[in-house]
N, C-alpha and C. Protein backbone atom coordinates (compact mmCIF):
# COMPACT_ATOMS: atom_id res chain seq x y z
N ASN A 1 -0.81 11.09 -2.04
CA ASN A 1 -1.06 10.84 -0.58
C ASN A 1 -0.74 9.38 -0.12
N ILE A 2 -0.26 8.58 -1.09
CA ILE A 2 0.11 7.16 -0.72
C ILE A 2 1.15 7.07 0.31
N ALA A 3 1.94 8.10 0.49
CA ALA A 3 2.97 8.07 1.52
C ALA A 3 2.50 8.33 2.92
N LYS A 4 1.30 8.82 2.99
CA LYS A 4 0.71 9.14 4.36
C LYS A 4 0.23 7.95 4.98
N SER A 5 0.81 7.59 6.13
CA SER A 5 0.32 6.34 6.82
C SER A 5 -1.08 6.51 7.40
N GLU A 6 -1.51 7.75 7.53
CA GLU A 6 -2.89 7.90 8.12
C GLU A 6 -3.89 7.74 6.94
N LEU A 7 -3.53 7.62 5.69
CA LEU A 7 -4.44 7.36 4.56
C LEU A 7 -4.94 5.96 4.75
N THR A 8 -6.27 5.82 5.11
CA THR A 8 -6.90 4.52 5.19
C THR A 8 -8.25 4.53 4.46
N ALA A 9 -8.84 3.35 4.41
CA ALA A 9 -10.15 3.32 3.71
C ALA A 9 -11.15 4.18 4.40
N CYS A 10 -11.12 4.30 5.72
CA CYS A 10 -11.99 5.14 6.47
C CYS A 10 -11.84 6.60 6.14
N THR A 11 -10.55 7.07 6.01
CA THR A 11 -10.35 8.48 5.63
C THR A 11 -10.80 8.78 4.23
N ILE A 12 -10.60 7.82 3.32
CA ILE A 12 -11.03 7.94 1.93
C ILE A 12 -12.54 8.02 1.94
N ALA A 13 -13.24 7.13 2.63
CA ALA A 13 -14.69 7.15 2.72
C ALA A 13 -15.19 8.53 3.22
N GLU A 14 -14.50 8.95 4.25
CA GLU A 14 -14.88 10.28 4.90
C GLU A 14 -14.81 11.38 3.84
N VAL A 15 -13.69 11.48 3.18
CA VAL A 15 -13.50 12.57 2.17
C VAL A 15 -14.58 12.45 1.09
N MET A 16 -14.89 11.23 0.72
CA MET A 16 -15.95 11.07 -0.32
C MET A 16 -17.37 11.09 0.12
N HIS A 17 -17.52 11.33 1.41
CA HIS A 17 -18.82 11.45 2.06
C HIS A 17 -19.65 10.14 1.86
N LEU A 18 -18.93 9.01 2.02
CA LEU A 18 -19.57 7.71 2.00
C LEU A 18 -19.31 6.94 3.31
N SER A 19 -20.12 5.96 3.56
CA SER A 19 -19.75 5.09 4.62
C SER A 19 -18.71 4.13 4.13
N ARG A 20 -18.06 3.50 5.10
CA ARG A 20 -16.93 2.55 4.70
C ARG A 20 -17.62 1.35 3.90
N PRO A 21 -18.74 0.81 4.28
CA PRO A 21 -19.29 -0.26 3.46
C PRO A 21 -19.77 0.17 2.12
N GLN A 22 -20.21 1.48 1.98
CA GLN A 22 -20.55 1.94 0.63
C GLN A 22 -19.34 2.05 -0.21
N LEU A 23 -18.27 2.61 0.29
CA LEU A 23 -16.94 2.78 -0.35
C LEU A 23 -16.47 1.33 -0.85
N ASP A 24 -16.55 0.37 0.05
CA ASP A 24 -16.09 -0.94 -0.34
C ASP A 24 -16.91 -1.56 -1.50
N ARG A 25 -18.27 -1.29 -1.44
CA ARG A 25 -19.09 -1.82 -2.50
C ARG A 25 -18.80 -1.16 -3.84
N ARG A 26 -18.58 0.12 -3.81
CA ARG A 26 -18.26 0.80 -5.02
C ARG A 26 -16.89 0.46 -5.65
N MET A 27 -15.93 0.26 -4.68
CA MET A 27 -14.56 -0.13 -5.09
C MET A 27 -14.58 -1.56 -5.64
N LYS A 28 -15.37 -2.43 -5.07
CA LYS A 28 -15.52 -3.83 -5.57
C LYS A 28 -16.07 -3.84 -6.93
N GLN A 29 -17.08 -2.99 -7.22
CA GLN A 29 -17.59 -2.82 -8.57
C GLN A 29 -16.60 -2.49 -9.63
N LEU A 30 -15.75 -1.53 -9.24
CA LEU A 30 -14.74 -1.02 -10.14
C LEU A 30 -13.45 -1.82 -10.23
N THR A 31 -13.01 -2.35 -9.10
CA THR A 31 -11.64 -2.96 -9.06
C THR A 31 -11.59 -4.40 -8.68
N GLN A 32 -12.75 -4.96 -8.20
CA GLN A 32 -12.90 -6.32 -7.63
C GLN A 32 -12.11 -6.47 -6.38
N LYS A 33 -11.77 -5.34 -5.70
CA LYS A 33 -11.10 -5.25 -4.40
C LYS A 33 -11.77 -4.24 -3.46
N THR A 34 -11.64 -4.56 -2.20
CA THR A 34 -12.12 -3.58 -1.18
C THR A 34 -11.17 -2.32 -1.26
N ALA A 35 -11.61 -1.28 -0.63
CA ALA A 35 -10.77 -0.04 -0.67
C ALA A 35 -9.37 -0.33 -0.02
N MET A 36 -9.42 -1.00 1.12
CA MET A 36 -8.12 -1.24 1.84
C MET A 36 -7.24 -2.16 0.98
N ALA A 37 -7.81 -3.20 0.34
CA ALA A 37 -6.99 -4.07 -0.50
C ALA A 37 -6.46 -3.35 -1.71
N TYR A 38 -7.25 -2.47 -2.29
CA TYR A 38 -6.80 -1.69 -3.40
C TYR A 38 -5.64 -0.70 -2.99
N LEU A 39 -5.85 -0.02 -1.90
CA LEU A 39 -4.78 0.83 -1.36
C LEU A 39 -3.51 0.06 -1.06
N LEU A 40 -3.60 -1.08 -0.45
CA LEU A 40 -2.41 -1.86 -0.18
C LEU A 40 -1.75 -2.34 -1.49
N ASP A 41 -2.54 -2.73 -2.47
CA ASP A 41 -1.94 -3.09 -3.73
C ASP A 41 -1.25 -1.96 -4.42
N ARG A 42 -1.80 -0.74 -4.33
CA ARG A 42 -1.10 0.41 -4.90
C ARG A 42 0.18 0.75 -4.17
N ARG A 43 0.13 0.60 -2.82
CA ARG A 43 1.38 0.80 -2.06
C ARG A 43 2.41 -0.25 -2.42
N MET A 44 2.12 -1.50 -2.63
CA MET A 44 3.09 -2.50 -2.90
C MET A 44 3.60 -2.25 -4.26
N THR A 45 2.80 -1.82 -5.18
CA THR A 45 3.26 -1.53 -6.59
C THR A 45 4.25 -0.41 -6.56
N TYR A 46 3.92 0.66 -5.83
CA TYR A 46 4.87 1.74 -5.68
C TYR A 46 6.15 1.28 -4.96
N ALA A 47 6.04 0.54 -4.00
CA ALA A 47 7.23 0.03 -3.33
C ALA A 47 8.12 -0.76 -4.25
N ARG A 48 7.55 -1.61 -5.02
CA ARG A 48 8.33 -2.40 -5.95
C ARG A 48 9.02 -1.53 -6.99
N GLU A 49 8.28 -0.54 -7.44
CA GLU A 49 8.91 0.39 -8.44
C GLU A 49 10.11 1.16 -7.77
N LEU A 50 9.96 1.59 -6.62
CA LEU A 50 11.11 2.29 -6.01
C LEU A 50 12.23 1.33 -5.68
N LEU A 51 11.97 0.10 -5.27
CA LEU A 51 13.05 -0.81 -5.08
C LEU A 51 13.81 -1.14 -6.30
N LEU A 52 13.10 -1.19 -7.46
CA LEU A 52 13.77 -1.55 -8.72
C LEU A 52 14.38 -0.33 -9.38
N THR A 53 14.03 0.91 -9.17
CA THR A 53 14.51 2.04 -9.86
C THR A 53 15.39 2.99 -9.06
N THR A 54 15.40 2.84 -7.72
CA THR A 54 16.17 3.74 -6.90
C THR A 54 17.14 2.95 -6.03
N LYS A 55 17.99 3.65 -5.31
CA LYS A 55 18.95 3.12 -4.40
C LYS A 55 18.47 3.41 -2.99
N MET A 56 17.25 3.90 -2.77
CA MET A 56 16.70 4.21 -1.43
C MET A 56 16.79 3.05 -0.49
N PRO A 57 17.17 3.29 0.78
CA PRO A 57 17.20 2.14 1.73
C PRO A 57 15.75 1.63 1.88
N ILE A 58 15.67 0.36 2.31
CA ILE A 58 14.34 -0.22 2.40
C ILE A 58 13.53 0.59 3.42
N ALA A 59 14.04 1.07 4.51
CA ALA A 59 13.34 1.75 5.52
C ALA A 59 12.70 3.00 4.88
N GLU A 60 13.43 3.73 4.04
CA GLU A 60 12.87 4.88 3.36
C GLU A 60 11.78 4.55 2.34
N VAL A 61 11.91 3.44 1.66
CA VAL A 61 10.98 2.94 0.75
C VAL A 61 9.67 2.67 1.55
N ALA A 62 9.78 2.04 2.68
CA ALA A 62 8.61 1.73 3.50
C ALA A 62 7.88 3.01 3.88
N VAL A 63 8.60 3.99 4.37
CA VAL A 63 8.03 5.30 4.75
C VAL A 63 7.37 5.96 3.53
N ALA A 64 8.08 5.96 2.41
CA ALA A 64 7.54 6.57 1.13
C ALA A 64 6.23 5.94 0.68
N CYS A 65 6.03 4.69 1.17
CA CYS A 65 4.82 3.94 0.74
C CYS A 65 3.73 3.91 1.88
N GLY A 66 4.03 4.68 2.89
CA GLY A 66 2.99 4.83 3.94
C GLY A 66 3.10 3.82 5.15
N PHE A 67 4.20 3.15 5.24
CA PHE A 67 4.44 2.29 6.39
C PHE A 67 5.39 2.86 7.39
N GLU A 68 4.92 2.87 8.61
CA GLU A 68 5.80 3.42 9.66
C GLU A 68 6.79 2.38 10.21
N ASP A 69 6.42 1.11 10.09
CA ASP A 69 7.22 0.00 10.67
C ASP A 69 7.82 -0.77 9.51
N THR A 70 9.15 -0.78 9.49
CA THR A 70 9.87 -1.45 8.38
C THR A 70 9.61 -3.03 8.43
N SER A 71 9.60 -3.60 9.58
CA SER A 71 9.38 -5.03 9.66
C SER A 71 7.93 -5.39 9.25
N TYR A 72 7.00 -4.57 9.52
CA TYR A 72 5.58 -4.78 8.97
C TYR A 72 5.60 -4.68 7.45
N PHE A 73 6.19 -3.70 6.97
CA PHE A 73 6.37 -3.44 5.50
C PHE A 73 6.98 -4.67 4.88
N THR A 74 8.06 -5.24 5.38
CA THR A 74 8.71 -6.40 4.95
C THR A 74 7.75 -7.53 4.90
N ARG A 75 7.07 -7.85 5.92
CA ARG A 75 6.14 -8.95 6.03
C ARG A 75 5.08 -8.82 4.97
N VAL A 76 4.47 -7.63 4.79
CA VAL A 76 3.41 -7.41 3.80
C VAL A 76 3.93 -7.53 2.41
N PHE A 77 5.13 -7.00 2.17
CA PHE A 77 5.73 -7.11 0.92
C PHE A 77 6.00 -8.58 0.49
N LYS A 78 6.56 -9.33 1.44
CA LYS A 78 6.79 -10.74 1.17
C LYS A 78 5.50 -11.53 0.91
N GLN A 79 4.50 -11.18 1.64
CA GLN A 79 3.18 -11.85 1.45
C GLN A 79 2.55 -11.54 0.11
N HIS A 80 2.83 -10.26 -0.36
CA HIS A 80 2.27 -9.78 -1.64
C HIS A 80 3.03 -10.38 -2.83
N TYR A 81 4.34 -10.31 -2.69
CA TYR A 81 5.21 -10.74 -3.91
C TYR A 81 5.91 -12.09 -3.70
N GLY A 82 5.87 -12.65 -2.60
CA GLY A 82 6.54 -13.93 -2.38
C GLY A 82 8.07 -13.79 -2.17
N SER A 83 8.56 -12.56 -2.06
CA SER A 83 9.93 -12.42 -1.76
C SER A 83 10.14 -11.20 -0.94
N THR A 84 11.24 -11.04 -0.23
CA THR A 84 11.51 -9.85 0.59
C THR A 84 11.92 -8.65 -0.31
N PRO A 85 11.76 -7.44 0.27
CA PRO A 85 12.17 -6.32 -0.52
C PRO A 85 13.75 -6.39 -0.95
N SER A 86 14.55 -6.85 -0.01
CA SER A 86 15.96 -6.93 -0.43
C SER A 86 16.14 -7.89 -1.49
N ALA A 87 15.44 -8.97 -1.50
CA ALA A 87 15.59 -10.01 -2.54
C ALA A 87 15.02 -9.51 -3.90
N MET A 88 14.01 -8.69 -3.80
CA MET A 88 13.42 -8.08 -5.07
C MET A 88 14.39 -7.07 -5.69
N ARG A 89 15.21 -6.49 -4.87
CA ARG A 89 16.22 -5.53 -5.34
C ARG A 89 17.33 -6.27 -5.98
N GLY A 90 17.60 -7.45 -5.59
CA GLY A 90 18.65 -8.31 -6.16
C GLY A 90 19.99 -7.97 -5.65
């Protein structure tokens, strides 16, 4: 479900029958991250893997990781890894 842009901490909380603060508390106990931070980290890890192992265009990688806006994906990726998706690909 990581590719679904509508997957958010709120939707995860709803599916688990928890409030958003309860979900964040439980996630912090397990991962030391909020639900949204954990989800973003998983998306960035998946994006990095796709960039390094496939020839998919960056726009397709963004969509595969749940981002509808390629420029937003690029900003978040650069903030997370310190380099742009194209630079990561080499």
